[in-house]
Amino acid sequence: MTRLESEKAIINKPAKEVFNFLADFKNIGTLMPPQVVNFETDGATCKFTIEGMATLGMRYGSKTANTEIVMSKHEKAPFDFNLICKINELSNDSTELQLLFDADLNPFLKMMAEKPLTNFINLLLNRYKEIANC
């Protein structure tokens, strides 16, 4: 299993607010960069295409109130994966957030996808930071 880690970001919101935002796929859709197309959600799952890469589907795997959200592969994807949101409350109005991407990548896929996937999770993180800290 390959683990990709985003940078850590300080979000000027309480952990509960960060958790509630990330626990709704409709909100996740607002974080997607322009190279993500065809984002669809039914509330419990989502599906989207990263141009030039793959179509990914996700569902919520587990949610630990205000500390962690795990999103897992749903339907077709070229590999098994989990996207983990680590939420660490620093104070009443400040939270540290980091995204982790665990993927079952063969050596060829790892070589091809590691950098774009790392960029993707950093884009999601930075987009949320921009939205939350406005």
N, C-alpha and C. Protein backbone atom coordinates (compact mmCIF):
# COMPACT_ATOMS: atom_id res chain seq x y z
N MET A 1 0.85 -1.18 0.00
CA MET A 1 0.00 0.00 0.00
C MET A 1 0.90 1.24 0.00
N THR A 2 0.61 2.15 -0.88
CA THR A 2 1.34 3.42 -0.98
C THR A 2 0.57 4.49 -0.23
N ARG A 3 1.27 5.23 0.62
CA ARG A 3 0.63 6.35 1.32
C ARG A 3 1.19 7.66 0.79
N LEU A 4 0.27 8.52 0.33
CA LEU A 4 0.62 9.86 -0.10
C LEU A 4 0.05 10.82 0.93
N GLU A 5 0.83 11.83 1.29
CA GLU A 5 0.41 12.77 2.32
C GLU A 5 0.41 14.19 1.77
N SER A 6 -0.66 14.90 2.06
CA SER A 6 -0.70 16.32 1.72
C SER A 6 0.14 17.07 2.74
N GLU A 7 0.35 18.33 2.45
CA GLU A 7 0.92 19.20 3.48
C GLU A 7 -0.14 19.35 4.58
N LYS A 8 0.20 19.95 5.68
CA LYS A 8 -0.76 20.23 6.75
C LYS A 8 -1.21 21.67 6.61
N ALA A 9 -2.48 21.91 6.88
CA ALA A 9 -3.01 23.27 6.77
C ALA A 9 -3.73 23.64 8.05
N ILE A 10 -3.62 24.90 8.41
CA ILE A 10 -4.36 25.43 9.56
C ILE A 10 -5.64 26.06 9.01
N ILE A 11 -6.75 25.57 9.51
CA ILE A 11 -8.07 26.07 9.11
C ILE A 11 -8.62 26.88 10.28
N ASN A 12 -9.05 28.08 10.01
CA ASN A 12 -9.56 28.97 11.07
C ASN A 12 -11.03 28.68 11.37
N LYS A 13 -11.27 27.46 11.74
CA LYS A 13 -12.61 26.98 12.11
C LYS A 13 -12.45 25.92 13.19
N PRO A 14 -13.48 25.72 14.02
CA PRO A 14 -13.42 24.62 14.98
C PRO A 14 -13.46 23.27 14.27
N ALA A 15 -12.93 22.25 14.91
CA ALA A 15 -12.87 20.91 14.32
C ALA A 15 -14.25 20.41 13.90
N LYS A 16 -15.26 20.71 14.69
CA LYS A 16 -16.62 20.25 14.37
C LYS A 16 -17.09 20.80 13.03
N GLU A 17 -16.77 22.06 12.76
CA GLU A 17 -17.17 22.69 11.51
C GLU A 17 -16.41 22.09 10.32
N VAL A 18 -15.12 21.84 10.51
CA VAL A 18 -14.31 21.21 9.47
C VAL A 18 -14.86 19.81 9.18
N PHE A 19 -15.11 19.05 10.23
CA PHE A 19 -15.65 17.71 10.10
C PHE A 19 -16.98 17.72 9.34
N ASN A 20 -17.89 18.59 9.75
CA ASN A 20 -19.21 18.64 9.12
C ASN A 20 -19.12 19.00 7.63
N PHE A 21 -18.22 19.88 7.28
CA PHE A 21 -18.04 20.25 5.87
C PHE A 21 -17.55 19.05 5.07
N LEU A 22 -16.52 18.38 5.57
CA LEU A 22 -15.92 17.27 4.83
C LEU A 22 -16.77 16.00 4.86
N ALA A 23 -17.74 15.94 5.74
CA ALA A 23 -18.61 14.77 5.86
C ALA A 23 -19.79 14.82 4.89
N ASP A 24 -19.77 15.77 3.95
CA ASP A 24 -20.85 15.92 2.98
C ASP A 24 -20.24 15.98 1.57
N PHE A 25 -20.55 14.99 0.73
CA PHE A 25 -19.97 14.96 -0.61
C PHE A 25 -20.34 16.17 -1.45
N LYS A 26 -21.46 16.82 -1.18
CA LYS A 26 -21.79 18.03 -1.93
C LYS A 26 -20.72 19.09 -1.70
N ASN A 27 -20.22 19.18 -0.47
CA ASN A 27 -19.15 20.13 -0.17
C ASN A 27 -17.83 19.69 -0.80
N ILE A 28 -17.57 18.40 -0.81
CA ILE A 28 -16.34 17.88 -1.44
C ILE A 28 -16.32 18.31 -2.91
N GLY A 29 -17.47 18.28 -3.56
CA GLY A 29 -17.56 18.69 -4.96
C GLY A 29 -17.11 20.12 -5.19
N THR A 30 -17.34 21.01 -4.22
CA THR A 30 -16.93 22.41 -4.38
C THR A 30 -15.42 22.59 -4.29
N LEU A 31 -14.72 21.58 -3.78
CA LEU A 31 -13.27 21.66 -3.64
C LEU A 31 -12.52 21.19 -4.88
N MET A 32 -13.22 20.54 -5.78
CA MET A 32 -12.55 19.92 -6.92
C MET A 32 -11.94 20.96 -7.85
N PRO A 33 -10.71 20.69 -8.29
CA PRO A 33 -10.03 21.61 -9.21
C PRO A 33 -10.62 21.49 -10.62
N PRO A 34 -10.27 22.41 -11.52
CA PRO A 34 -10.85 22.42 -12.87
C PRO A 34 -10.61 21.14 -13.66
N GLN A 35 -9.54 20.40 -13.36
CA GLN A 35 -9.27 19.17 -14.12
C GLN A 35 -10.15 18.00 -13.70
N VAL A 36 -11.02 18.24 -12.73
CA VAL A 36 -12.02 17.23 -12.35
C VAL A 36 -13.32 17.57 -13.06
N VAL A 37 -13.82 16.58 -13.79
CA VAL A 37 -15.06 16.78 -14.54
C VAL A 37 -16.08 15.71 -14.15
N ASN A 38 -17.31 15.99 -14.47
CA ASN A 38 -18.41 15.03 -14.25
C ASN A 38 -18.56 14.62 -12.79
N PHE A 39 -18.44 15.57 -11.87
CA PHE A 39 -18.63 15.24 -10.45
C PHE A 39 -20.12 15.01 -10.20
N GLU A 40 -20.43 13.86 -9.62
CA GLU A 40 -21.81 13.51 -9.29
C GLU A 40 -21.84 12.95 -7.87
N THR A 41 -22.92 13.27 -7.14
CA THR A 41 -23.09 12.69 -5.81
C THR A 41 -24.56 12.41 -5.55
N ASP A 42 -24.80 11.35 -4.80
CA ASP A 42 -26.15 11.05 -4.34
C ASP A 42 -26.23 11.26 -2.83
N GLY A 43 -25.19 11.86 -2.26
CA GLY A 43 -25.12 12.10 -0.82
C GLY A 43 -24.30 11.05 -0.10
N ALA A 44 -24.48 9.79 -0.45
CA ALA A 44 -23.74 8.70 0.20
C ALA A 44 -22.47 8.32 -0.56
N THR A 45 -22.46 8.62 -1.87
CA THR A 45 -21.31 8.30 -2.72
C THR A 45 -21.07 9.47 -3.67
N CYS A 46 -19.90 9.45 -4.29
CA CYS A 46 -19.63 10.41 -5.37
C CYS A 46 -18.79 9.73 -6.43
N LYS A 47 -18.78 10.34 -7.61
CA LYS A 47 -18.01 9.82 -8.73
C LYS A 47 -17.53 11.02 -9.53
N PHE A 48 -16.29 10.95 -10.02
CA PHE A 48 -15.74 12.04 -10.81
C PHE A 48 -14.60 11.53 -11.67
N THR A 49 -14.24 12.33 -12.67
CA THR A 49 -13.14 11.98 -13.55
C THR A 49 -12.05 13.04 -13.42
N ILE A 50 -10.83 12.58 -13.23
CA ILE A 50 -9.66 13.46 -13.26
C ILE A 50 -9.15 13.38 -14.69
N GLU A 51 -9.24 14.50 -15.43
CA GLU A 51 -8.85 14.50 -16.83
C GLU A 51 -7.43 13.98 -17.00
N GLY A 52 -7.27 13.08 -17.96
CA GLY A 52 -5.97 12.51 -18.25
C GLY A 52 -5.56 11.41 -17.30
N MET A 53 -6.40 11.09 -16.31
CA MET A 53 -6.03 10.02 -15.37
C MET A 53 -7.10 8.95 -15.34
N ALA A 54 -8.09 9.11 -14.46
CA ALA A 54 -9.04 8.03 -14.24
C ALA A 54 -10.35 8.56 -13.69
N THR A 55 -11.35 7.70 -13.73
CA THR A 55 -12.61 7.97 -13.06
C THR A 55 -12.56 7.28 -11.71
N LEU A 56 -12.90 8.02 -10.67
CA LEU A 56 -12.87 7.49 -9.30
C LEU A 56 -14.24 7.63 -8.67
N GLY A 57 -14.62 6.65 -7.91
CA GLY A 57 -15.84 6.70 -7.12
C GLY A 57 -15.47 6.55 -5.66
N MET A 58 -16.15 7.28 -4.77
CA MET A 58 -15.87 7.19 -3.34
C MET A 58 -17.16 7.05 -2.56
N ARG A 59 -17.03 6.43 -1.42
CA ARG A 59 -18.11 6.34 -0.44
C ARG A 59 -17.48 6.59 0.92
N TYR A 60 -18.29 7.01 1.88
CA TYR A 60 -17.75 7.19 3.22
C TYR A 60 -17.54 5.83 3.85
N GLY A 61 -16.32 5.58 4.33
CA GLY A 61 -16.00 4.33 4.99
C GLY A 61 -16.30 4.43 6.47
N SER A 62 -15.65 5.37 7.11
CA SER A 62 -15.88 5.58 8.54
C SER A 62 -15.74 7.06 8.85
N LYS A 63 -16.41 7.45 9.92
CA LYS A 63 -16.34 8.83 10.40
C LYS A 63 -16.20 8.77 11.91
N THR A 64 -15.15 9.40 12.41
CA THR A 64 -14.94 9.53 13.85
C THR A 64 -15.13 11.01 14.16
N ALA A 65 -16.17 11.31 14.89
CA ALA A 65 -16.60 12.70 15.11
C ALA A 65 -15.44 13.64 15.37
N ASN A 66 -15.35 14.64 14.52
CA ASN A 66 -14.43 15.77 14.67
C ASN A 66 -12.95 15.42 14.62
N THR A 67 -12.59 14.18 14.26
CA THR A 67 -11.18 13.82 14.20
C THR A 67 -10.74 13.14 12.91
N GLU A 68 -11.62 12.33 12.30
CA GLU A 68 -11.19 11.60 11.10
C GLU A 68 -12.38 11.20 10.24
N ILE A 69 -12.18 11.31 8.93
CA ILE A 69 -13.14 10.83 7.95
C ILE A 69 -12.36 9.98 6.95
N VAL A 70 -12.87 8.78 6.68
CA VAL A 70 -12.25 7.90 5.70
C VAL A 70 -13.24 7.71 4.55
N MET A 71 -12.77 8.04 3.35
CA MET A 71 -13.54 7.80 2.13
C MET A 71 -12.84 6.68 1.37
N SER A 72 -13.61 5.72 0.91
CA SER A 72 -13.05 4.54 0.26
C SER A 72 -13.52 4.43 -1.18
N LYS A 73 -12.82 3.60 -1.91
CA LYS A 73 -13.18 3.31 -3.30
C LYS A 73 -14.63 2.84 -3.38
N HIS A 74 -15.31 3.31 -4.39
CA HIS A 74 -16.69 2.88 -4.67
C HIS A 74 -16.81 2.65 -6.16
N GLU A 75 -17.41 1.57 -6.55
CA GLU A 75 -17.59 1.19 -7.95
C GLU A 75 -16.24 1.03 -8.64
N LYS A 76 -16.18 1.43 -9.89
CA LYS A 76 -14.97 1.22 -10.67
C LYS A 76 -13.90 2.25 -10.33
N ALA A 77 -12.71 1.77 -10.24
CA ALA A 77 -11.51 2.61 -10.12
C ALA A 77 -10.35 1.71 -10.51
N PRO A 78 -9.29 2.28 -11.03
CA PRO A 78 -8.18 1.43 -11.48
C PRO A 78 -7.39 0.79 -10.33
N PHE A 79 -7.68 1.18 -9.08
CA PHE A 79 -6.98 0.63 -7.92
C PHE A 79 -7.81 0.87 -6.67
N ASP A 80 -7.54 0.09 -5.62
CA ASP A 80 -8.20 0.31 -4.33
C ASP A 80 -7.54 1.49 -3.63
N PHE A 81 -8.34 2.29 -2.93
CA PHE A 81 -7.77 3.44 -2.22
C PHE A 81 -8.66 3.87 -1.07
N ASN A 82 -8.07 4.63 -0.17
CA ASN A 82 -8.77 5.35 0.90
C ASN A 82 -8.24 6.77 0.91
N LEU A 83 -9.14 7.73 1.04
CA LEU A 83 -8.77 9.13 1.26
C LEU A 83 -9.14 9.43 2.70
N ILE A 84 -8.14 9.78 3.49
CA ILE A 84 -8.33 9.98 4.93
C ILE A 84 -8.13 11.45 5.26
N CYS A 85 -9.11 12.03 5.93
CA CYS A 85 -9.04 13.41 6.40
C CYS A 85 -8.70 13.37 7.88
N LYS A 86 -7.52 13.82 8.25
CA LYS A 86 -7.09 13.88 9.65
C LYS A 86 -7.37 15.29 10.16
N ILE A 87 -8.21 15.37 11.19
CA ILE A 87 -8.66 16.65 11.74
C ILE A 87 -8.16 16.75 13.17
N ASN A 88 -7.38 17.78 13.45
CA ASN A 88 -6.80 17.95 14.78
C ASN A 88 -7.12 19.35 15.30
N GLU A 89 -8.02 19.42 16.27
CA GLU A 89 -8.39 20.73 16.82
C GLU A 89 -7.24 21.30 17.64
N LEU A 90 -6.82 22.50 17.29
CA LEU A 90 -5.73 23.17 18.00
C LEU A 90 -6.26 24.10 19.08
N SER A 91 -7.42 24.72 18.79
CA SER A 91 -8.09 25.60 19.75
C SER A 91 -9.55 25.67 19.35
N ASN A 92 -10.34 26.49 20.01
CA ASN A 92 -11.76 26.59 19.69
C ASN A 92 -12.02 27.08 18.27
N ASP A 93 -11.08 27.81 17.69
CA ASP A 93 -11.30 28.35 16.36
C ASP A 93 -10.13 28.08 15.41
N SER A 94 -9.40 27.01 15.66
CA SER A 94 -8.27 26.66 14.81
C SER A 94 -8.10 25.15 14.76
N THR A 95 -7.99 24.63 13.55
CA THR A 95 -7.90 23.19 13.34
C THR A 95 -6.81 22.88 12.32
N GLU A 96 -6.03 21.85 12.58
CA GLU A 96 -5.04 21.38 11.61
C GLU A 96 -5.70 20.27 10.78
N LEU A 97 -5.53 20.35 9.47
CA LEU A 97 -6.11 19.37 8.57
C LEU A 97 -5.03 18.82 7.66
N GLN A 98 -5.03 17.50 7.49
CA GLN A 98 -4.14 16.84 6.55
C GLN A 98 -4.91 15.75 5.84
N LEU A 99 -4.65 15.60 4.54
CA LEU A 99 -5.26 14.55 3.75
C LEU A 99 -4.21 13.47 3.46
N LEU A 100 -4.61 12.23 3.65
CA LEU A 100 -3.76 11.08 3.36
C LEU A 100 -4.45 10.25 2.30
N PHE A 101 -3.69 9.75 1.36
CA PHE A 101 -4.25 8.92 0.29
C PHE A 101 -3.51 7.61 0.29
N ASP A 102 -4.18 6.55 0.73
CA ASP A 102 -3.62 5.20 0.72
C ASP A 102 -4.13 4.49 -0.53
N ALA A 103 -3.21 4.00 -1.35
CA ALA A 103 -3.60 3.38 -2.61
C ALA A 103 -2.82 2.10 -2.86
N ASP A 104 -3.50 1.14 -3.43
CA ASP A 104 -2.89 -0.13 -3.80
C ASP A 104 -2.39 0.01 -5.24
N LEU A 105 -1.20 0.57 -5.38
CA LEU A 105 -0.63 0.85 -6.70
C LEU A 105 0.47 -0.15 -7.03
N ASN A 106 0.39 -0.73 -8.22
CA ASN A 106 1.51 -1.56 -8.66
C ASN A 106 2.67 -0.61 -9.00
N PRO A 107 3.88 -1.12 -9.15
CA PRO A 107 5.03 -0.23 -9.38
C PRO A 107 4.87 0.71 -10.58
N PHE A 108 4.27 0.22 -11.67
CA PHE A 108 4.07 1.06 -12.84
C PHE A 108 3.09 2.19 -12.55
N LEU A 109 1.94 1.85 -11.94
CA LEU A 109 0.95 2.87 -11.59
C LEU A 109 1.52 3.86 -10.59
N LYS A 110 2.30 3.37 -9.64
CA LYS A 110 2.90 4.26 -8.64
C LYS A 110 3.78 5.30 -9.33
N MET A 111 4.59 4.84 -10.27
CA MET A 111 5.50 5.75 -10.98
C MET A 111 4.69 6.80 -11.76
N MET A 112 3.58 6.39 -12.36
CA MET A 112 2.79 7.29 -13.18
C MET A 112 1.89 8.21 -12.35
N ALA A 113 1.34 7.71 -11.25
CA ALA A 113 0.28 8.42 -10.55
C ALA A 113 0.69 9.12 -9.26
N GLU A 114 1.84 8.79 -8.71
CA GLU A 114 2.21 9.34 -7.40
C GLU A 114 2.22 10.87 -7.37
N LYS A 115 2.88 11.48 -8.31
CA LYS A 115 2.96 12.95 -8.31
C LYS A 115 1.60 13.60 -8.59
N PRO A 116 0.85 13.16 -9.63
CA PRO A 116 -0.47 13.77 -9.86
C PRO A 116 -1.43 13.58 -8.68
N LEU A 117 -1.41 12.42 -8.04
CA LEU A 117 -2.30 12.19 -6.90
C LEU A 117 -1.91 13.06 -5.70
N THR A 118 -0.62 13.21 -5.47
CA THR A 118 -0.16 14.08 -4.38
C THR A 118 -0.57 15.53 -4.68
N ASN A 119 -0.40 15.96 -5.91
CA ASN A 119 -0.84 17.31 -6.30
C ASN A 119 -2.34 17.46 -6.11
N PHE A 120 -3.11 16.42 -6.44
CA PHE A 120 -4.55 16.45 -6.32
C PHE A 120 -4.98 16.64 -4.86
N ILE A 121 -4.41 15.87 -3.93
CA ILE A 121 -4.82 16.02 -2.53
C ILE A 121 -4.37 17.36 -1.96
N ASN A 122 -3.22 17.87 -2.41
CA ASN A 122 -2.80 19.22 -1.98
C ASN A 122 -3.73 20.29 -2.54
N LEU A 123 -4.20 20.11 -3.77
CA LEU A 123 -5.16 21.06 -4.33
C LEU A 123 -6.46 21.07 -3.54
N LEU A 124 -6.97 19.87 -3.18
CA LEU A 124 -8.19 19.79 -2.37
C LEU A 124 -8.00 20.51 -1.04
N LEU A 125 -6.89 20.24 -0.38
CA LEU A 125 -6.59 20.84 0.91
C LEU A 125 -6.51 22.37 0.80
N ASN A 126 -5.76 22.84 -0.18
CA ASN A 126 -5.58 24.29 -0.32
C ASN A 126 -6.87 24.99 -0.73
N ARG A 127 -7.69 24.33 -1.52
CA ARG A 127 -8.98 24.90 -1.89
C ARG A 127 -9.87 25.05 -0.66
N TYR A 128 -9.89 24.01 0.19
CA TYR A 128 -10.69 24.11 1.41
C TYR A 128 -10.15 25.21 2.33
N LYS A 129 -8.83 25.30 2.43
CA LYS A 129 -8.21 26.33 3.24
C LYS A 129 -8.64 27.72 2.76
N GLU A 130 -8.65 27.93 1.44
CA GLU A 130 -9.08 29.21 0.87
C GLU A 130 -10.54 29.51 1.22
N ILE A 131 -11.40 28.53 1.04
CA ILE A 131 -12.83 28.71 1.30
C ILE A 131 -13.08 28.97 2.78
N ALA A 132 -12.47 28.16 3.63
CA ALA A 132 -12.74 28.22 5.09
C ALA A 132 -12.14 29.47 5.73
N ASN A 133 -11.01 29.92 5.23
CA ASN A 133 -10.31 31.03 5.89
C ASN A 133 -10.67 32.40 5.32
N CYS A 134 -11.67 32.44 4.44
CA CYS A 134 -12.09 33.74 3.88
C CYS A 134 -12.77 34.59 4.92
